[in-house]
PDB file of N, CA and C in Angstrom:
ATOM      1  N   UNK A   1       2.139   9.545  -2.029  1.00  0.00           N
ATOM      2  CA  UNK A   1       1.090   9.610  -1.113  1.00  0.00           C
ATOM      3  C   UNK A   1       1.934   9.679  -0.764  1.00  0.00           C
ATOM      4  N   UNK A   2       1.192  10.881   0.756  1.00  0.00           N
ATOM      5  CA  UNK A   2       2.485  11.360   1.955  1.00  0.00           C
ATOM      6  C   UNK A   2       1.785  10.071   2.920  1.00  0.00           C
ATOM      7  N   UNK A   3       0.698   9.891   2.991  1.00  0.00           N
ATOM      8  CA  UNK A   3       0.789   8.019   3.828  1.00  0.00           C
ATOM      9  C   UNK A   3       1.337   7.068   3.917  1.00  0.00           C
ATOM     10  N   UNK A   4       1.937   6.466   2.664  1.00  0.00           N
ATOM     11  CA  UNK A   4       2.060   5.289   2.579  1.00  0.00           C
ATOM     12  C   UNK A   4       3.564   5.517   2.352  1.00  0.00           C
ATOM     13  N   UNK A   5       4.496   4.514   2.311  1.00  0.00           N
ATOM     14  CA  UNK A   5       5.746   4.701   2.177  1.00  0.00           C
ATOM     15  C   UNK A   5       5.627   2.737   1.083  1.00  0.00           C
ATOM     16  N   UNK A   6       5.829   3.496  -0.139  1.00  0.00           N
ATOM     17  CA  UNK A   6       6.044   1.667  -0.995  1.00  0.00           C
ATOM     18  C   UNK A   6       7.577   1.457  -1.418  1.00  0.00           C
ATOM     19  N   UNK A   7       7.201   0.481  -1.768  1.00  0.00           N
ATOM     20  CA  UNK A   7       8.251  -0.529  -1.995  1.00  0.00           C
ATOM     21  C   UNK A   7       8.462  -0.886  -3.716  1.00  0.00           C
ATOM     22  N   UNK A   8       9.197  -0.615  -4.224  1.00  0.00           N
ATOM     23  CA  UNK A   8       8.849  -1.202  -5.747  1.00  0.00           C
ATOM     24  C   UNK A   8      10.047  -1.868  -6.077  1.00  0.00           C
ATOM     25  N   UNK A   9       9.511  -3.395  -7.024  1.00  0.00           N
ATOM     26  CA  UNK A   9      10.248  -4.332  -7.032  1.00  0.00           C
ATOM     27  C   UNK A   9      10.182  -5.319  -9.191  1.00  0.00           C
ATOM     28  N   UNK A  10      10.723  -5.138  -9.450  1.00  0.00           N
ATOM     29  CA  UNK A  10      10.559  -6.311 -11.136  1.00  0.00           C
ATOM     30  C   UNK A  10      11.805  -7.226 -10.837  1.00  0.00           C
ATOM     31  N   UNK A  11      11.573  -8.379 -11.372  1.00  0.00           N
ATOM     32  CA  UNK A  11      12.690  -8.991 -11.002  1.00  0.00           C
ATOM     33  C   UNK A  11      11.365 -10.018 -12.183  1.00  0.00           C
ATOM     34  N   UNK A  12      12.927 -10.737 -12.363  1.00  0.00           N
ATOM     35  CA  UNK A  12      11.698 -11.966 -13.217  1.00  0.00           C
ATOM     36  C   UNK A  12      11.308 -13.038 -12.345  1.00  0.00           C
ATOM     37  N   UNK A  13      11.628 -13.180 -10.637  1.00  0.00           N
ATOM     38  CA  UNK A  13      10.236 -13.633 -10.244  1.00  0.00           C
ATOM     39  C   UNK A  13      10.718 -12.892  -8.564  1.00  0.00           C
ATOM     40  N   UNK A  14       9.665 -11.988  -8.361  1.00  0.00           N
ATOM     41  CA  UNK A  14       9.884 -11.035  -7.444  1.00  0.00           C
ATOM     42  C   UNK A  14       9.451 -12.223  -5.914  1.00  0.00           C
ATOM     43  N   UNK A  15      10.048 -11.877  -5.334  1.00  0.00           N
ATOM     44  CA  UNK A  15      10.493 -11.964  -3.467  1.00  0.00           C
ATOM     45  C   UNK A  15       8.647 -11.716  -3.384  1.00  0.00           C
ATOM     46  N   UNK A  16       8.162 -11.039  -3.177  1.00  0.00           N
ATOM     47  CA  UNK A  16       7.245 -10.298  -2.227  1.00  0.00           C
ATOM     48  C   UNK A  16       6.904 -10.883  -0.991  1.00  0.00           C
ATOM     49  N   UNK A  17       7.404 -11.260  -0.326  1.00  0.00           N
ATOM     50  CA  UNK A  17       7.571 -11.325   1.586  1.00  0.00           C
ATOM     51  C   UNK A  17       8.360 -10.744   1.694  1.00  0.00           C
ATOM     52  N   UNK A  18       9.354 -10.392   1.016  1.00  0.00           N
ATOM     53  CA  UNK A  18      10.284 -10.012   0.785  1.00  0.00           C
ATOM     54  C   UNK A  18       9.873  -8.652   0.445  1.00  0.00           C
ATOM     55  N   UNK A  19      10.119  -7.879  -0.244  1.00  0.00           N
ATOM     56  CA  UNK A  19      10.101  -6.552  -0.952  1.00  0.00           C
ATOM     57  C   UNK A  19       8.564  -6.400   0.383  1.00  0.00           C
ATOM     58  N   UNK A  20       7.404  -6.935   0.702  1.00  0.00           N
ATOM     59  CA  UNK A  20       6.458  -6.407   1.788  1.00  0.00           C
ATOM     60  C   UNK A  20       7.247  -6.242   3.119  1.00  0.00           C
ATOM     61  N   UNK A  21       8.142  -7.174   3.661  1.00  0.00           N
ATOM     62  CA  UNK A  21       9.165  -6.634   4.568  1.00  0.00           C
ATOM     63  C   UNK A  21       9.927  -5.534   4.442  1.00  0.00           C
ATOM     64  N   UNK A  22      11.058  -5.078   3.705  1.00  0.00           N
ATOM     65  CA  UNK A  22      11.738  -3.929   3.618  1.00  0.00           C
ATOM     66  C   UNK A  22      11.023  -3.291   3.653  1.00  0.00           C
ATOM     67  N   UNK A  23       9.569  -3.329   3.408  1.00  0.00           N
ATOM     68  CA  UNK A  23       8.363  -1.935   2.976  1.00  0.00           C
ATOM     69  C   UNK A  23       8.135  -1.396   4.806  1.00  0.00           C
ATOM     70  N   UNK A  24       8.105  -2.925   5.076  1.00  0.00           N
ATOM     71  CA  UNK A  24       7.616  -2.318   6.561  1.00  0.00           C
ATOM     72  C   UNK A  24       8.693  -1.926   7.317  1.00  0.00           C
ATOM     73  N   UNK A  25       9.952  -2.725   7.255  1.00  0.00           N
ATOM     74  CA  UNK A  25      10.663  -2.105   8.010  1.00  0.00           C
ATOM     75  C   UNK A  25      11.262  -0.154   7.759  1.00  0.00           C
ATOM     76  N   UNK A  26      11.561  -0.047   6.426  1.00  0.00           N
ATOM     77  CA  UNK A  26      11.605   1.561   6.220  1.00  0.00           C
ATOM     78  C   UNK A  26      10.154   2.247   6.401  1.00  0.00           C
ATOM     79  N   UNK A  27       9.191   1.526   6.449  1.00  0.00           N
ATOM     80  CA  UNK A  27       7.919   2.901   7.151  1.00  0.00           C
ATOM     81  C   UNK A  27       7.755   2.314   8.630  1.00  0.00           C
ATOM     82  N   UNK A  28       8.422   2.298   9.279  1.00  0.00           N
ATOM     83  CA  UNK A  28       8.610   1.807  10.687  1.00  0.00           C
ATOM     84  C   UNK A  28       9.483   3.596  11.588  1.00  0.00           C
ATOM     85  N   UNK A  29      10.101   3.493  10.183  1.00  0.00           N
ATOM     86  CA  UNK A  29      11.023   4.379  10.105  1.00  0.00           C
ATOM     87  C   UNK A  29      10.439   5.837  10.123  1.00  0.00           C
ATOM     88  N   UNK A  30       9.487   6.027   9.013  1.00  0.00           N
ATOM     89  CA  UNK A  30       8.580   7.502   9.227  1.00  0.00           C
ATOM     90  C   UNK A  30       8.053   7.525   8.769  1.00  0.00           C
ATOM     91  N   UNK A  31       6.385   6.141   9.661  1.00  0.00           N
ATOM     92  CA  UNK A  31       5.421   6.184  10.171  1.00  0.00           C
ATOM     93  C   UNK A  31       4.139   5.888   9.439  1.00  0.00           C
ATOM     94  N   UNK A  32       5.057   5.691   8.318  1.00  0.00           N
ATOM     95  CA  UNK A  32       4.012   5.723   7.125  1.00  0.00           C
ATOM     96  C   UNK A  32       3.592   3.920   6.790  1.00  0.00           C
ATOM     97  N   UNK A  33       2.430   3.591   5.972  1.00  0.00           N
ATOM     98  CA  UNK A  33       1.822   2.740   5.425  1.00  0.00           C
ATOM     99  C   UNK A  33       2.484   1.905   5.249  1.00  0.00           C
ATOM    100  N   UNK A  34       2.864   0.516   4.871  1.00  0.00           N
ATOM    101  CA  UNK A  34       4.144   0.487   4.073  1.00  0.00           C
ATOM    102  C   UNK A  34       3.490  -0.115   2.988  1.00  0.00           C
ATOM    103  N   UNK A  35       3.813  -0.360   1.772  1.00  0.00           N
ATOM    104  CA  UNK A  35       3.102  -1.019  -0.036  1.00  0.00           C
ATOM    105  C   UNK A  35       4.635  -1.839  -0.703  1.00  0.00           C
ATOM    106  N   UNK A  36       3.916  -3.212  -1.394  1.00  0.00           N
ATOM    107  CA  UNK A  36       5.018  -3.345  -1.760  1.00  0.00           C
ATOM    108  C   UNK A  36       3.684  -3.511  -3.290  1.00  0.00           C
ATOM    109  N   UNK A  37       4.716  -3.207  -3.919  1.00  0.00           N
ATOM    110  CA  UNK A  37       4.570  -3.167  -4.911  1.00  0.00           C
ATOM    111  C   UNK A  37       4.815  -3.990  -6.048  1.00  0.00           C
ATOM    112  N   UNK A  38       4.964  -4.633  -7.562  1.00  0.00           N
ATOM    113  CA  UNK A  38       6.060  -6.288  -7.254  1.00  0.00           C
ATOM    114  C   UNK A  38       5.667  -6.811  -8.220  1.00  0.00           C
ATOM    115  N   UNK A  39       6.137  -7.136 -10.142  1.00  0.00           N
ATOM    116  CA  UNK A  39       6.044  -7.198 -11.023  1.00  0.00           C
ATOM    117  C   UNK A  39       7.292  -8.374 -11.481  1.00  0.00           C
ATOM    118  N   UNK A  40       6.302  -9.046 -11.679  1.00  0.00           N
ATOM    119  CA  UNK A  40       7.185 -10.334 -12.303  1.00  0.00           C
ATOM    120  C   UNK A  40       7.550  -9.977 -13.860  1.00  0.00           C
ATOM    121  N   UNK A  41       8.563 -10.541 -14.462  1.00  0.00           N
ATOM    122  CA  UNK A  41       8.826 -10.006 -15.692  1.00  0.00           C
ATOM    123  C   UNK A  41       7.101 -11.426 -16.422  1.00  0.00           C
ATOM    124  N   UNK A  42       6.980  -9.683 -17.482  1.00  0.00           N
ATOM    125  CA  UNK A  42       5.563 -10.674 -18.329  1.00  0.00           C
ATOM    126  C   UNK A  42       4.410 -10.884 -17.492  1.00  0.00           C
ATOM    127  N   UNK A  43       3.573 -10.103 -17.006  1.00  0.00           N
ATOM    128  CA  UNK A  43       2.912 -10.204 -15.120  1.00  0.00           C
ATOM    129  C   UNK A  43       2.599  -9.353 -14.938  1.00  0.00           C
ATOM    130  N   UNK A  44       1.416  -9.474 -14.539  1.00  0.00           N
ATOM    131  CA  UNK A  44       0.578  -8.101 -13.820  1.00  0.00           C
ATOM    132  C   UNK A  44       1.509  -7.742 -12.526  1.00  0.00           C
ATOM    133  N   UNK A  45       1.306  -6.498 -12.547  1.00  0.00           N
ATOM    134  CA  UNK A  45       1.698  -5.752 -11.673  1.00  0.00           C
ATOM    135  C   UNK A  45       0.688  -6.171  -9.815  1.00  0.00           C
ATOM    136  N   UNK A  46       1.311  -6.419  -8.621  1.00  0.00           N
ATOM    137  CA  UNK A  46       1.157  -6.647  -8.425  1.00  0.00           C
ATOM    138  C   UNK A  46       0.901  -5.912  -6.240  1.00  0.00           C
ATOM    139  N   UNK A  47      -0.166  -4.821  -5.872  1.00  0.00           N
ATOM    140  CA  UNK A  47       0.634  -4.301  -5.283  1.00  0.00           C
ATOM    141  C   UNK A  47      -0.578  -5.473  -3.975  1.00  0.00           C
ATOM    142  N   UNK A  48       0.656  -5.614  -2.545  1.00  0.00           N
ATOM    143  CA  UNK A  48       0.789  -6.138  -1.599  1.00  0.00           C
ATOM    144  C   UNK A  48       0.774  -5.069  -0.476  1.00  0.00           C
ATOM    145  N   UNK A  49       0.176  -5.125   1.003  1.00  0.00           N
ATOM    146  CA  UNK A  49       0.276  -4.815   1.981  1.00  0.00           C
ATOM    147  C   UNK A  49      -0.661  -5.492   3.396  1.00  0.00           C
ATOM    148  N   UNK A  50      -0.446  -5.444   4.537  1.00  0.00           N
ATOM    149  CA  UNK A  50      -1.059  -5.672   5.448  1.00  0.00           C
ATOM    150  C   UNK A  50      -2.628  -6.127   5.878  1.00  0.00           C
ATOM    151  N   UNK A  51      -3.324  -6.943   5.771  1.00  0.00           N
ATOM    152  CA  UNK A  51      -4.459  -6.885   6.328  1.00  0.00           C
ATOM    153  C   UNK A  51      -5.639  -5.736   7.598  1.00  0.00           C
ATOM    154  N   UNK A  52      -4.854  -5.599   7.788  1.00  0.00           N
ATOM    155  CA  UNK A  52      -4.768  -4.582   9.055  1.00  0.00           C
ATOM    156  C   UNK A  52      -4.496  -2.513   8.570  1.00  0.00           C
ATOM    157  N   UNK A  53      -3.645  -2.952   7.595  1.00  0.00           N
ATOM    158  CA  UNK A  53      -3.527  -1.338   7.637  1.00  0.00           C
ATOM    159  C   UNK A  53      -4.374  -1.419   6.210  1.00  0.00           C
ATOM    160  N   UNK A  54      -4.789  -2.291   5.399  1.00  0.00           N
ATOM    161  CA  UNK A  54      -5.351  -1.950   3.848  1.00  0.00           C
ATOM    162  C   UNK A  54      -6.299  -1.179   4.567  1.00  0.00           C
ATOM    163  N   UNK A  55      -7.003  -1.838   5.757  1.00  0.00           N
ATOM    164  CA  UNK A  55      -8.763  -1.332   5.951  1.00  0.00           C
ATOM    165  C   UNK A  55      -8.286  -0.117   7.051  1.00  0.00           C
ATOM    166  N   UNK A  56      -7.145   0.027   7.244  1.00  0.00           N
ATOM    167  CA  UNK A  56      -7.398   1.493   8.216  1.00  0.00           C
ATOM    168  C   UNK A  56      -7.807   2.510   6.614  1.00  0.00           C
ATOM    169  N   UNK A  57      -6.023   1.802   5.756  1.00  0.00           N
ATOM    170  CA  UNK A  57      -6.563   3.313   4.210  1.00  0.00           C
ATOM    171  C   UNK A  57      -8.411   2.976   3.538  1.00  0.00           C
ATOM    172  N   UNK A  58      -9.118   2.171   3.914  1.00  0.00           N
ATOM    173  CA  UNK A  58     -10.450   1.752   3.127  1.00  0.00           C
ATOM    174  C   UNK A  58     -11.066   3.002   4.113  1.00  0.00           C
ATOM    175  N   UNK A  59     -11.121   2.703   5.842  1.00  0.00           N
ATOM    176  CA  UNK A  59     -11.924   3.515   6.143  1.00  0.00           C
ATOM    177  C   UNK A  59     -11.579   4.644   6.006  1.00  0.00           C
ATOM    178  N   UNK A  60     -10.706   5.176   5.945  1.00  0.00           N
ATOM    179  CA  UNK A  60      -9.911   6.584   5.486  1.00  0.00           C
ATOM    180  C   UNK A  60     -11.461   7.282   4.783  1.00  0.00           C
ATOM    181  N   UNK A  61     -11.077   6.780   3.697  1.00  0.00           N
ATOM    182  CA  UNK A  61     -11.550   6.703   2.500  1.00  0.00           C
ATOM    183  C   UNK A  61     -12.845   6.699   2.436  1.00  0.00           C
ATOM    184  N   UNK A  62     -13.477   5.440   3.141  1.00  0.00           N
ATOM    185  CA  UNK A  62     -15.013   5.726   3.143  1.00  0.00           C
ATOM    186  C   UNK A  62     -15.832   7.111   3.541  1.00  0.00           C
ATOM    187  N   UNK A  63     -14.372   7.129   5.200  1.00  0.00           N
ATOM    188  CA  UNK A  63     -15.243   8.245   5.762  1.00  0.00           C
ATOM    189  C   UNK A  63     -14.458   9.833   4.611  1.00  0.00           C
ATOM    190  N   UNK A  64     -13.652   9.666   3.590  1.00  0.00           N
ATOM    191  CA  UNK A  64     -13.799  11.343   3.416  1.00  0.00           C
ATOM    192  C   UNK A  64     -14.645  11.149   2.892  1.00  0.00           C
ATOM    193  N   UNK A  65     -15.334   9.996   2.378  1.00  0.00           N
ATOM    194  CA  UNK A  65     -16.072   9.892   0.249  1.00  0.00           C
ATOM    195  C   UNK A  65     -17.772  10.424   1.003  1.00  0.00           C
ATOM    196  N   UNK A  66     -17.713  10.234   2.713  1.00  0.00           N
ATOM    197  CA  UNK A  66     -19.329  10.205   3.394  1.00  0.00           C
ATOM    198  C   UNK A  66     -19.012  12.039   3.291  1.00  0.00           C
ATOM    199  N   UNK A  67     -18.028  12.923   3.908  1.00  0.00           N
ATOM    200  CA  UNK A  67     -18.318  13.699   4.198  1.00  0.00           C
ATOM    201  C   UNK A  67     -18.185  14.704   3.273  1.00  0.00           C
ATOM    202  N   UNK A  68     -17.626  13.755   1.597  1.00  0.00           N
ATOM    203  CA  UNK A  68     -17.943  14.721   0.278  1.00  0.00           C
ATOM    204  C   UNK A  68     -20.119  14.419   0.648  1.00  0.00           C
ATOM    205  N   UNK A  69     -20.243  13.610  -0.098  1.00  0.00           N
ATOM    206  CA  UNK A  69     -21.416  12.892   0.037  1.00  0.00           C
ATOM    207  C   UNK A  69     -22.357  14.192   0.132  1.00  0.00           C
ATOM    208  N   UNK A  70     -22.103  14.466   2.074  1.00  0.00           N
ATOM    209  CA  UNK A  70     -23.079  14.675   3.290  1.00  0.00           C
ATOM    210  C   UNK A  70     -23.210  15.923   2.376  1.00  0.00           C
ATOM    211  N   UNK A  71     -21.374  16.900   1.873  1.00  0.00           N
ATOM    212  CA  UNK A  71     -22.161  17.754   1.583  1.00  0.00           C
ATOM    213  C   UNK A  71     -22.531  18.268   0.251  1.00  0.00           C
ATOM    214  N   UNK A  72     -22.769  17.099  -1.147  1.00  0.00           N
ATOM    215  CA  UNK A  72     -23.049  17.817  -1.801  1.00  0.00           C
ATOM    216  C   UNK A  72     -25.151  17.300  -1.920  1.00  0.00           C
ATOM    217  N   UNK A  73     -25.168  17.142  -0.960  1.00  0.00           N
ATOM    218  CA  UNK A  73     -26.732  16.967  -0.294  1.00  0.00           C
ATOM    219  C   UNK A  73     -26.884  18.518  -0.077  1.00  0.00           C
TER     220      UNK A  73
END
C-alpha cells in the first residue's frame, strides 16, 4: 500500500507502543500513514494506528466508494 508505512513485529510479547512509535518516526521521513502490525506468540494479529490517521483513511475510503456507487447508478 503506497499510502501507509507498516512496521511489523512478532515476539513472545510485543511492545505495541514502541512498534507504533517506530512506525511514526519512519513515516515522518516518507510522508506516509504509520501503522504497526504486531503479533504475540500464539495470539491474534493486531493492527494499531493513531485515531486521526484512521479517520483520514476511512474518509478516503468512503469518498472513493461514493464515487464508485454513483458511477454504477
